[in-house]
Amino acid sequence: MRKYNFPIIIERDKDGYFAFCPKLQGCYSQGNTYEEAMENIKDAVNLHVEDLVKSKENLPNFDSISLSTIEAVF
């Protein structure tokens, strides 16, 4: 069994939390709490990767990802 680490992003909005994996196109989920969104995106990533493996598609490669914030002044 191989293990992979995929980056995820979780954003909060007025309706709860939205989570997505930028390396897996169309892989996203949501939740009412941060913890729920985290569990849901884990499930979504696992199902997405399982589909890729079953269909013998290549898993995405990435060296590193950096997430940062910038300040916008207006």
C-alpha atoms as a PDB file:
ATOM      1  CA  MET A   1       0.000   0.000   0.000  1.00  0.00           C
ATOM      2  CA  ARG A   2       1.376   3.411  -0.984  1.00  0.00           C
ATOM      3  CA  LYS A   3       0.674   6.634   0.823  1.00  0.00           C
ATOM      4  CA  TYR A   4       0.349  10.011  -0.832  1.00  0.00           C
ATOM      5  CA  ASN A   5       0.073  13.469   0.660  1.00  0.00           C
ATOM      6  CA  PHE A   6      -2.175  15.908  -1.152  1.00  0.00           C
ATOM      7  CA  PRO A   7      -2.523  19.592  -0.373  1.00  0.00           C
ATOM      8  CA  ILE A   8      -5.973  20.822   0.549  1.00  0.00           C
ATOM      9  CA  ILE A   9      -7.417  24.259   1.092  1.00  0.00           C
ATOM     10  CA  ILE A  10     -10.271  24.981   3.461  1.00  0.00           C
ATOM     11  CA  GLU A  11     -12.076  28.309   3.334  1.00  0.00           C
ATOM     12  CA  ARG A  12     -14.751  29.596   5.639  1.00  0.00           C
ATOM     13  CA  ASP A  13     -17.753  31.488   4.322  1.00  0.00           C
ATOM     14  CA  LYS A  14     -21.196  32.443   5.600  1.00  0.00           C
ATOM     15  CA  ASP A  15     -22.551  28.945   4.902  1.00  0.00           C
ATOM     16  CA  GLY A  16     -19.792  26.935   6.597  1.00  0.00           C
ATOM     17  CA  TYR A  17     -16.533  25.568   5.217  1.00  0.00           C
ATOM     18  CA  PHE A  18     -15.537  24.773   1.636  1.00  0.00           C
ATOM     19  CA  ALA A  19     -12.625  22.393   1.029  1.00  0.00           C
ATOM     20  CA  PHE A  20     -10.803  21.441  -2.146  1.00  0.00           C
ATOM     21  CA  CYS A  21      -7.678  19.723  -3.380  1.00  0.00           C
ATOM     22  CA  PRO A  22      -5.980  21.884  -6.029  1.00  0.00           C
ATOM     23  CA  LYS A  23      -4.035  18.907  -7.455  1.00  0.00           C
ATOM     24  CA  LEU A  24      -7.143  16.819  -8.145  1.00  0.00           C
ATOM     25  CA  GLN A  25      -9.442  18.558 -10.585  1.00  0.00           C
ATOM     26  CA  GLY A  26     -13.030  18.574  -9.389  1.00  0.00           C
ATOM     27  CA  CYS A  27     -12.172  17.240  -5.935  1.00  0.00           C
ATOM     28  CA  TYR A  28     -13.995  19.366  -3.395  1.00  0.00           C
ATOM     29  CA  SER A  29     -16.341  19.084  -0.441  1.00  0.00           C
ATOM     30  CA  GLN A  30     -17.882  21.142   2.333  1.00  0.00           C
ATOM     31  CA  GLY A  31     -19.014  20.973   5.927  1.00  0.00           C
ATOM     32  CA  ASN A  32     -20.778  22.945   8.622  1.00  0.00           C
ATOM     33  CA  THR A  33     -17.621  22.892  10.767  1.00  0.00           C
ATOM     34  CA  TYR A  34     -13.904  22.855   9.974  1.00  0.00           C
ATOM     35  CA  GLU A  35     -13.647  19.298  11.288  1.00  0.00           C
ATOM     36  CA  GLU A  36     -16.568  18.130   9.156  1.00  0.00           C
ATOM     37  CA  ALA A  37     -15.071  19.751   6.060  1.00  0.00           C
ATOM     38  CA  MET A  38     -11.720  18.091   6.812  1.00  0.00           C
ATOM     39  CA  GLU A  39     -13.312  14.633   7.124  1.00  0.00           C
ATOM     40  CA  ASN A  40     -15.364  15.181   3.976  1.00  0.00           C
ATOM     41  CA  ILE A  41     -12.380  16.278   1.881  1.00  0.00           C
ATOM     42  CA  LYS A  42     -10.364  13.285   3.123  1.00  0.00           C
ATOM     43  CA  ASP A  43     -13.141  11.010   1.867  1.00  0.00           C
ATOM     44  CA  ALA A  44     -13.343  12.908  -1.433  1.00  0.00           C
ATOM     45  CA  VAL A  45      -9.557  12.683  -2.001  1.00  0.00           C
ATOM     46  CA  ASN A  46      -9.491   8.973  -1.190  1.00  0.00           C
ATOM     47  CA  LEU A  47     -12.375   8.251  -3.577  1.00  0.00           C
ATOM     48  CA  HIS A  48     -10.815  10.405  -6.299  1.00  0.00           C
ATOM     49  CA  VAL A  49      -7.434   8.662  -5.996  1.00  0.00           C
ATOM     50  CA  GLU A  50      -9.119   5.249  -5.904  1.00  0.00           C
ATOM     51  CA  ASP A  51     -10.875   6.117  -9.188  1.00  0.00           C
ATOM     52  CA  LEU A  52      -7.606   7.235 -10.782  1.00  0.00           C
ATOM     53  CA  VAL A  53      -5.863   4.014  -9.755  1.00  0.00           C
ATOM     54  CA  LYS A  54      -8.739   1.791 -10.957  1.00  0.00           C
ATOM     55  CA  SER A  55      -8.770   3.526 -14.337  1.00  0.00           C
ATOM     56  CA  LYS A  56      -4.942   3.284 -14.497  1.00  0.00           C
ATOM     57  CA  GLU A  57      -4.536   7.046 -14.772  1.00  0.00           C
ATOM     58  CA  ASN A  58      -1.427   8.759 -13.490  1.00  0.00           C
ATOM     59  CA  LEU A  59      -1.543  10.415 -10.117  1.00  0.00           C
ATOM     60  CA  PRO A  60      -0.482  14.067 -10.216  1.00  0.00           C
ATOM     61  CA  ASN A  61       3.113  14.885  -9.322  1.00  0.00           C
ATOM     62  CA  PHE A  62       4.129  17.924  -7.352  1.00  0.00           C
ATOM     63  CA  ASP A  63       7.327  18.978  -5.664  1.00  0.00           C
ATOM     64  CA  SER A  64       5.919  21.451  -3.218  1.00  0.00           C
ATOM     65  CA  ILE A  65       3.118  23.897  -2.685  1.00  0.00           C
ATOM     66  CA  SER A  66       3.312  27.154  -0.835  1.00  0.00           C
ATOM     67  CA  LEU A  67       0.294  28.925   0.555  1.00  0.00           C
ATOM     68  CA  SER A  68       0.601  32.443   1.775  1.00  0.00           C
ATOM     69  CA  THR A  69      -1.429  35.610   2.136  1.00  0.00           C
ATOM     70  CA  ILE A  70      -0.823  39.112   0.900  1.00  0.00           C
ATOM     71  CA  GLU A  71      -2.184  42.377   2.118  1.00  0.00           C
ATOM     72  CA  ALA A  72      -4.199  44.459  -0.314  1.00  0.00           C
ATOM     73  CA  VAL A  73      -4.242  48.161   0.466  1.00  0.00           C
ATOM     74  CA  PHE A  74      -6.885  50.372  -1.064  1.00  0.00           C
END
